[in-house]
Amino acid sequence: MKSTLLLILVMIAMAVPSQSKVTKEVYGNAADGTPVDLYTLLDGKITVRIMTYGGIIVSLEAPDRSGKTADIVLGFDSLDGYVMTGNKPYMGAIIGRYANRIAGGTFKLDGKTYHVPKNDGDNALHGGTSGFNKKVWTGKEIKDGVELTYVSKNGEEGFPGTLTTTVRYTLSGNELRIEYSATTDADTVLNLTNHSYFNLKGQGNGNILDHQMKINASRYTPVNANLIPLGQLAPVTGTPFDFLKSTVIGSRIDADNEQLKLAHGYDQNWVIDGGGEKVVLAAEAYEPTTGRVLEVLTDQPGIQFYTGNFLDGSVTGKGGKVYNRRFAFCLETQHYPDSPNHPVFPTTELKPGEKFNSVTIYRFSAR
């Protein structure tokens, strides 16, 4: 009788999904004195720490094939590291209002021209000089995670409309889920992403050229010398941009290819096969020495694969690790760069009465 009861209890426990442990602590103060909180999400051997400044993923610990955990995202040891440096590499941050580049910092909407501060040569990059990555979001604990909210006022960084954005980070099992939503009171443009820098060997542990990458995209958007899309969707077949099969990142990164030379490596947008409507598998990264695997799933139409080409050793990160060139990669789920200036691209416009919703999932495993 006792053994039968015990078996029933075990079966019930196995049927009930695990719930992440969520804790909150004070992390410090932003430059203007605004308090910043740090939320820790723990489920099994995966631990994610997210702060309200920039909605930044501060750390992400995941196990290798032997069960040994390591922090696999770049960052700083304290809030001051992000604030004092301005977090110019955008490590771990929520990016908005407009992720990636806008040519000339200019776009037209409803017949009116808008200007976003140029912070990348002649481009506006990742929302201008003071984008969402530098804002203190309002956080609250939710089941399995944290919900962050930020209200961007009309005219902030040149964008029209007061925009209310909510980002929910939840950890369940081996998946970190990011849910974005936004509403506006006037016509505007919007492109949101997370800008985590990954190294599956562990942050600061050498370059990522030996990682293997698979991107489920038959086309990509070639760029000009300013890294602005030319407006065409080019096939990856026969080029160094073909990652339809898992390929070592460093095998072709320095090939004699104009696009690679312009970006100093990979820094282009891939057009996800079947993307833009339902959640699909967009990319998979594998690190052979640890066995760690990162899968990225999203309902966005594009993904920017960036190989840390502009990391130059000037940034000292967690544990005193110096971040040199190509010490990490980013997989930024997104709409295409400069979409407001390319009517043929999927639209990034958001109107009053509409609600923007999007999902990106980081799935971790080892083999």
Protein backbone atom coordinates (compact mmCIF):
# COMPACT_ATOMS: atom_id res chain seq x y z
CA MET A 1 0.00 0.00 0.00
CA LYS A 2 2.78 2.40 0.97
CA SER A 3 4.78 1.58 -2.15
CA THR A 4 1.71 2.15 -4.34
CA LEU A 5 1.06 5.53 -2.68
CA LEU A 6 4.72 6.50 -3.10
CA LEU A 7 4.57 5.57 -6.79
CA ILE A 8 1.45 7.70 -7.27
CA LEU A 9 3.11 10.68 -5.57
CA VAL A 10 6.21 10.32 -7.75
CA MET A 11 4.06 10.18 -10.90
CA ILE A 12 2.16 13.29 -9.83
CA ALA A 13 5.40 15.13 -9.16
CA MET A 14 6.75 14.16 -12.57
CA ALA A 15 3.56 15.37 -14.26
CA VAL A 16 3.71 18.83 -12.66
CA PRO A 17 6.02 21.18 -14.61
CA SER A 18 8.91 22.61 -12.62
CA GLN A 19 8.75 26.22 -11.55
CA SER A 20 11.71 28.55 -11.59
CA LYS A 21 12.86 30.14 -8.39
CA VAL A 22 12.85 33.92 -8.72
CA THR A 23 14.63 36.27 -6.32
CA LYS A 24 15.18 40.02 -6.31
CA GLU A 25 17.90 42.19 -4.83
CA VAL A 26 19.08 45.79 -5.02
CA TYR A 27 21.92 46.05 -7.54
CA GLY A 28 22.86 49.74 -7.25
CA ASN A 29 21.89 53.08 -8.73
CA ALA A 30 21.95 54.49 -12.23
CA ALA A 31 23.88 57.69 -12.97
CA ASP A 32 20.84 59.81 -12.05
CA GLY A 33 20.40 57.96 -8.76
CA THR A 34 17.50 55.76 -9.89
CA PRO A 35 17.60 52.43 -8.02
CA VAL A 36 18.37 49.36 -10.12
CA ASP A 37 17.19 45.86 -9.17
CA LEU A 38 18.63 42.48 -10.10
CA TYR A 39 16.37 39.46 -10.64
CA THR A 40 17.76 35.92 -10.48
CA LEU A 41 15.93 33.11 -12.27
CA LEU A 42 16.95 29.56 -11.33
CA ASP A 43 15.68 26.30 -12.80
CA GLY A 44 17.81 23.18 -12.39
CA LYS A 45 21.34 23.96 -13.49
CA ILE A 46 20.43 27.07 -15.48
CA THR A 47 20.67 30.45 -13.77
CA VAL A 48 19.85 33.77 -15.44
CA ARG A 49 20.38 37.20 -13.89
CA ILE A 50 18.55 40.19 -15.34
CA MET A 51 18.67 43.79 -14.14
CA THR A 52 16.23 46.63 -14.62
CA TYR A 53 18.93 48.88 -16.13
CA GLY A 54 18.62 48.25 -19.86
CA GLY A 55 16.77 44.99 -19.18
CA ILE A 56 20.24 43.49 -19.39
CA ILE A 57 20.97 39.77 -19.10
CA VAL A 58 23.89 40.14 -16.67
CA SER A 59 24.81 36.46 -16.56
CA LEU A 60 23.58 33.14 -17.90
CA GLU A 61 24.96 29.94 -16.45
CA ALA A 62 24.38 26.72 -18.39
CA PRO A 63 25.82 23.20 -18.03
CA ASP A 64 28.18 21.46 -20.45
CA ARG A 65 28.02 17.76 -21.40
CA SER A 66 29.53 16.76 -18.04
CA GLY A 67 27.11 18.94 -16.08
CA LYS A 68 29.65 21.65 -15.29
CA THR A 69 28.12 25.12 -15.45
CA ALA A 70 29.72 28.28 -16.81
CA ASP A 71 28.58 31.83 -17.50
CA ILE A 72 28.22 32.01 -21.29
CA VAL A 73 27.38 35.70 -21.82
CA LEU A 74 29.75 38.67 -21.80
CA GLY A 75 29.23 41.49 -19.33
CA PHE A 76 30.58 43.32 -16.29
CA ASP A 77 30.96 42.41 -12.62
CA SER A 78 28.84 45.30 -11.38
CA LEU A 79 26.29 47.90 -12.45
CA ASP A 80 29.04 50.52 -12.59
CA GLY A 81 30.71 48.59 -15.38
CA TYR A 82 27.66 49.05 -17.58
CA VAL A 83 26.89 52.63 -16.55
CA MET A 84 30.44 54.05 -16.61
CA THR A 85 31.27 52.56 -20.02
CA GLY A 86 27.86 53.38 -21.46
CA ASN A 87 27.81 49.68 -22.37
CA LYS A 88 28.81 50.67 -25.88
CA PRO A 89 28.91 47.03 -27.03
CA TYR A 90 25.25 46.76 -25.85
CA MET A 91 26.06 43.59 -23.89
CA GLY A 92 22.92 41.70 -22.89
CA ALA A 93 20.59 44.67 -23.35
CA ILE A 94 17.09 45.19 -24.68
CA ILE A 95 17.47 47.23 -27.86
CA GLY A 96 14.90 49.82 -28.99
CA ARG A 97 13.08 51.72 -30.20
CA TYR A 98 14.77 50.56 -33.34
CA ALA A 99 17.29 47.73 -33.25
CA ASN A 100 20.09 47.77 -35.82
CA ARG A 101 20.78 50.64 -38.23
CA ILE A 102 18.74 53.45 -39.78
CA ALA A 103 20.54 55.07 -42.72
CA GLY A 104 21.41 58.70 -42.17
CA GLY A 105 19.46 58.59 -38.92
CA THR A 106 16.43 59.57 -41.02
CA PHE A 107 13.12 57.99 -42.00
CA LYS A 108 9.75 59.14 -43.29
CA LEU A 109 6.40 58.21 -41.77
CA ASP A 110 3.02 59.52 -42.87
CA GLY A 111 4.78 62.01 -45.12
CA LYS A 112 6.84 63.53 -42.29
CA THR A 113 10.61 63.18 -41.88
CA TYR A 114 12.03 62.11 -38.52
CA HIS A 115 15.63 62.28 -37.32
CA VAL A 116 17.32 59.91 -34.87
CA PRO A 117 20.74 60.91 -33.46
CA LYS A 118 23.62 59.45 -35.46
CA ASN A 119 25.86 57.30 -33.29
CA ASP A 120 27.41 54.97 -35.87
CA GLY A 121 29.07 57.08 -38.51
CA ASP A 122 26.24 58.35 -40.68
CA ASN A 123 23.78 55.86 -39.14
CA ALA A 124 21.52 55.75 -36.11
CA LEU A 125 22.32 52.47 -34.36
CA HIS A 126 20.16 50.59 -31.82
CA GLY A 127 17.82 53.48 -31.06
CA GLY A 128 20.21 56.43 -31.01
CA THR A 129 22.52 57.82 -28.35
CA SER A 130 20.20 56.98 -25.46
CA GLY A 131 18.19 53.94 -26.44
CA PHE A 132 16.31 51.41 -24.35
CA ASN A 133 19.63 49.84 -23.30
CA LYS A 134 20.35 52.88 -21.10
CA LYS A 135 16.93 53.21 -19.47
CA VAL A 136 15.86 51.92 -16.06
CA TRP A 137 12.83 49.72 -16.60
CA THR A 138 10.11 49.05 -14.02
CA GLY A 139 10.35 45.44 -12.90
CA LYS A 140 8.00 43.07 -11.18
CA GLU A 141 8.23 39.38 -10.37
CA ILE A 142 5.98 37.06 -12.35
CA LYS A 143 5.69 33.29 -12.50
CA ASP A 144 9.06 31.87 -13.60
CA GLY A 145 10.54 35.27 -14.27
CA VAL A 146 10.37 39.05 -14.41
CA GLU A 147 8.26 41.55 -16.32
CA LEU A 148 9.91 44.82 -17.35
CA THR A 149 8.07 47.93 -18.54
CA TYR A 150 9.32 51.18 -20.02
CA VAL A 151 7.38 54.18 -21.33
CA SER A 152 9.20 56.05 -24.09
CA LYS A 153 7.77 59.54 -24.47
CA ASN A 154 6.84 61.13 -27.76
CA GLY A 155 9.96 62.57 -29.38
CA GLU A 156 12.46 60.55 -27.37
CA GLU A 157 15.52 60.07 -29.61
CA GLY A 158 13.45 61.61 -32.40
CA PHE A 159 10.81 58.86 -32.59
CA PRO A 160 7.11 59.81 -32.77
CA GLY A 161 4.46 58.65 -30.33
CA THR A 162 4.50 57.67 -26.69
CA LEU A 163 5.39 53.98 -26.71
CA THR A 164 4.74 51.59 -23.82
CA THR A 165 6.92 48.49 -24.03
CA THR A 166 6.79 45.37 -21.88
CA VAL A 167 9.39 42.60 -21.95
CA ARG A 168 8.84 39.37 -20.04
CA TYR A 169 11.79 37.08 -19.31
CA THR A 170 10.77 33.62 -18.09
CA LEU A 171 12.89 30.54 -17.45
CA SER A 172 11.32 27.10 -17.70
CA GLY A 173 13.46 23.99 -17.84
CA ASN A 174 16.17 24.65 -20.41
CA GLU A 175 14.42 27.56 -22.14
CA LEU A 176 14.73 31.29 -21.56
CA ARG A 177 11.68 32.87 -23.16
CA ILE A 178 11.57 36.57 -24.09
CA GLU A 179 8.14 38.01 -24.85
CA TYR A 180 7.94 41.54 -26.23
CA SER A 181 4.79 43.66 -26.43
CA ALA A 182 4.22 47.34 -27.18
CA THR A 183 1.48 49.90 -27.80
CA THR A 184 1.64 53.49 -29.07
CA ASP A 185 -0.57 56.58 -29.09
CA ALA A 186 0.68 57.73 -32.52
CA ASP A 187 2.11 56.12 -35.63
CA THR A 188 5.70 55.04 -35.02
CA VAL A 189 8.32 52.47 -36.00
CA LEU A 190 9.54 49.70 -33.75
CA ASN A 191 12.20 46.97 -33.81
CA LEU A 192 13.06 45.21 -30.56
CA THR A 193 15.73 42.61 -29.79
CA ASN A 194 18.09 41.31 -27.13
CA HIS A 195 21.80 41.92 -27.67
CA SER A 196 23.47 39.18 -25.63
CA TYR A 197 27.02 38.22 -26.58
CA PHE A 198 27.51 34.44 -26.32
CA ASN A 199 30.60 32.30 -25.95
CA LEU A 200 29.59 28.71 -25.25
CA LYS A 201 33.05 27.90 -23.86
CA GLY A 202 32.39 30.49 -21.15
CA GLN A 203 32.64 34.26 -21.25
CA GLY A 204 36.17 35.50 -21.96
CA ASN A 205 37.47 32.02 -22.78
CA GLY A 206 38.97 32.72 -26.19
CA ASN A 207 37.34 33.40 -29.54
CA ILE A 208 34.28 31.76 -31.05
CA LEU A 209 35.80 30.81 -34.40
CA ASP A 210 35.70 27.09 -33.53
CA HIS A 211 31.97 27.19 -32.73
CA GLN A 212 29.68 25.60 -35.29
CA MET A 213 26.73 27.65 -36.54
CA LYS A 214 23.57 26.74 -38.38
CA ILE A 215 21.18 29.42 -39.62
CA ASN A 216 17.90 28.36 -41.21
CA ALA A 217 17.94 31.03 -43.88
CA SER A 218 18.25 30.66 -47.65
CA ARG A 219 18.65 34.41 -48.15
CA TYR A 220 20.29 37.39 -46.50
CA THR A 221 20.31 41.17 -46.96
CA PRO A 222 23.63 42.38 -48.46
CA VAL A 223 24.88 45.75 -47.23
CA ASN A 224 26.77 48.78 -48.51
CA ALA A 225 29.93 50.28 -47.01
CA ASN A 226 27.85 51.78 -44.16
CA LEU A 227 26.37 48.35 -43.38
CA ILE A 228 22.98 49.49 -44.63
CA PRO A 229 20.97 46.91 -46.65
CA LEU A 230 20.99 47.41 -50.40
CA GLY A 231 17.31 46.45 -50.48
CA GLN A 232 17.66 43.01 -52.05
CA LEU A 233 17.30 39.51 -50.63
CA ALA A 234 20.29 37.59 -51.96
CA PRO A 235 20.64 33.79 -51.96
CA VAL A 236 23.25 32.34 -49.61
CA THR A 237 24.01 29.42 -51.93
CA GLY A 238 27.64 29.39 -53.01
CA THR A 239 28.63 32.15 -50.58
CA PRO A 240 30.26 32.29 -47.11
CA PHE A 241 26.78 33.16 -45.81
CA ASP A 242 25.43 29.67 -46.35
CA PHE A 243 24.89 28.21 -42.87
CA LEU A 244 22.00 25.95 -43.86
CA LYS A 245 24.26 23.13 -42.69
CA SER A 246 26.19 23.44 -39.44
CA THR A 247 29.51 25.12 -40.33
CA VAL A 248 32.55 26.16 -38.30
CA ILE A 249 32.29 29.94 -37.93
CA GLY A 250 35.97 30.57 -38.62
CA SER A 251 36.14 28.41 -41.74
CA ARG A 252 35.10 31.22 -44.12
CA ILE A 253 35.00 34.38 -42.01
CA ASP A 254 38.12 35.82 -43.67
CA ALA A 255 37.28 34.69 -47.19
CA ASP A 256 37.88 37.01 -50.14
CA ASN A 257 34.32 38.32 -50.10
CA GLU A 258 33.26 41.97 -50.34
CA GLN A 259 30.45 41.60 -47.80
CA LEU A 260 32.77 40.04 -45.21
CA LYS A 261 35.34 42.77 -45.80
CA LEU A 262 32.77 45.54 -45.35
CA ALA A 263 31.64 44.09 -42.00
CA HIS A 264 35.09 42.84 -40.90
CA GLY A 265 33.47 39.44 -40.51
CA TYR A 266 29.83 38.47 -40.11
CA ASP A 267 27.46 41.33 -39.29
CA GLN A 268 24.51 40.85 -41.64
CA ASN A 269 20.83 40.07 -41.41
CA TRP A 270 19.61 36.63 -42.47
CA VAL A 271 16.04 36.15 -43.78
CA ILE A 272 14.67 33.27 -41.72
CA ASP A 273 13.02 30.51 -43.76
CA GLY A 274 9.37 30.47 -42.68
CA GLY A 275 9.98 33.40 -40.35
CA GLY A 276 7.79 36.37 -39.59
CA GLU A 277 4.59 34.60 -38.54
CA LYS A 278 4.93 31.62 -36.20
CA VAL A 279 7.81 30.65 -33.90
CA VAL A 280 10.41 28.66 -35.85
CA LEU A 281 13.96 27.49 -35.25
CA ALA A 282 16.16 30.27 -36.62
CA ALA A 283 19.67 29.24 -35.59
CA GLU A 284 21.71 26.70 -33.65
CA ALA A 285 25.21 27.18 -32.24
CA TYR A 286 27.37 24.28 -31.02
CA GLU A 287 30.69 24.35 -29.16
CA PRO A 288 32.49 20.99 -29.56
CA THR A 289 34.84 21.05 -26.55
CA THR A 290 32.06 21.61 -23.98
CA GLY A 291 29.17 20.18 -25.99
CA ARG A 292 27.01 23.20 -25.23
CA VAL A 293 24.22 23.94 -27.69
CA LEU A 294 22.23 27.16 -28.07
CA GLU A 295 19.08 27.12 -30.20
CA VAL A 296 17.31 30.36 -31.06
CA LEU A 297 13.62 30.24 -31.93
CA THR A 298 11.60 33.30 -32.96
CA ASP A 299 8.59 34.63 -34.85
CA GLN A 300 10.61 37.53 -36.24
CA PRO A 301 11.46 37.58 -39.98
CA GLY A 302 15.19 38.15 -39.56
CA ILE A 303 18.21 37.42 -37.41
CA GLN A 304 21.45 39.40 -37.25
CA PHE A 305 24.49 37.15 -36.86
CA TYR A 306 27.37 39.23 -35.50
CA THR A 307 30.80 37.83 -34.64
CA GLY A 308 32.11 40.52 -32.29
CA ASN A 309 34.25 42.08 -35.00
CA PHE A 310 34.50 45.40 -33.19
CA LEU A 311 35.54 44.04 -29.82
CA ASP A 312 39.14 45.21 -29.66
CA GLY A 313 40.51 44.36 -26.22
CA SER A 314 39.60 47.75 -24.77
CA VAL A 315 36.79 46.25 -22.67
CA THR A 316 37.60 44.33 -19.48
CA GLY A 317 34.62 42.26 -18.43
CA LYS A 318 33.61 39.81 -15.74
CA GLY A 319 36.41 38.27 -13.70
CA GLY A 320 38.97 40.60 -15.27
CA LYS A 321 38.58 38.89 -18.67
CA VAL A 322 39.65 41.06 -21.60
CA TYR A 323 37.23 40.87 -24.51
CA ASN A 324 39.21 40.68 -27.73
CA ARG A 325 38.02 40.54 -31.32
CA ARG A 326 35.57 37.74 -32.07
CA PHE A 327 35.37 36.60 -28.45
CA ALA A 328 31.58 36.26 -28.77
CA PHE A 329 28.72 36.09 -31.21
CA CYS A 330 25.26 37.64 -31.21
CA LEU A 331 22.07 36.27 -32.71
CA GLU A 332 19.69 39.23 -32.71
CA THR A 333 16.12 38.31 -33.70
CA GLN A 334 14.61 41.27 -35.50
CA HIS A 335 12.97 42.92 -38.46
CA TYR A 336 15.44 43.85 -41.17
CA PRO A 337 17.82 46.79 -40.65
CA ASP A 338 16.70 50.16 -42.07
CA SER A 339 13.23 48.80 -42.82
CA PRO A 340 11.53 52.23 -42.56
CA ASN A 341 13.53 53.25 -45.64
CA HIS A 342 12.76 50.04 -47.59
CA PRO A 343 9.03 49.69 -48.38
CA VAL A 344 9.63 46.20 -49.81
CA PHE A 345 10.83 44.92 -46.41
CA PRO A 346 8.32 43.67 -43.81
CA THR A 347 6.89 46.76 -42.15
CA THR A 348 8.02 47.92 -38.71
CA GLU A 349 5.21 50.46 -38.36
CA LEU A 350 2.99 50.37 -35.27
CA LYS A 351 -0.26 52.32 -35.09
CA PRO A 352 -2.60 53.31 -32.24
CA GLY A 353 -5.01 50.53 -31.43
CA GLU A 354 -2.53 47.87 -32.53
CA LYS A 355 -0.39 45.78 -30.20
CA PHE A 356 3.03 44.53 -31.14
CA ASN A 357 3.76 41.02 -29.85
CA SER A 358 6.82 38.90 -30.46
CA VAL A 359 8.54 35.87 -28.92
CA THR A 360 12.16 34.74 -28.90
CA ILE A 361 13.37 31.61 -27.11
CA TYR A 362 16.93 30.67 -26.15
CA ARG A 363 17.06 26.89 -25.67
CA PHE A 364 20.11 25.32 -23.98
CA SER A 365 21.38 21.75 -24.08
CA ALA A 366 24.59 19.74 -24.44
CA ARG A 367 25.69 16.83 -26.53
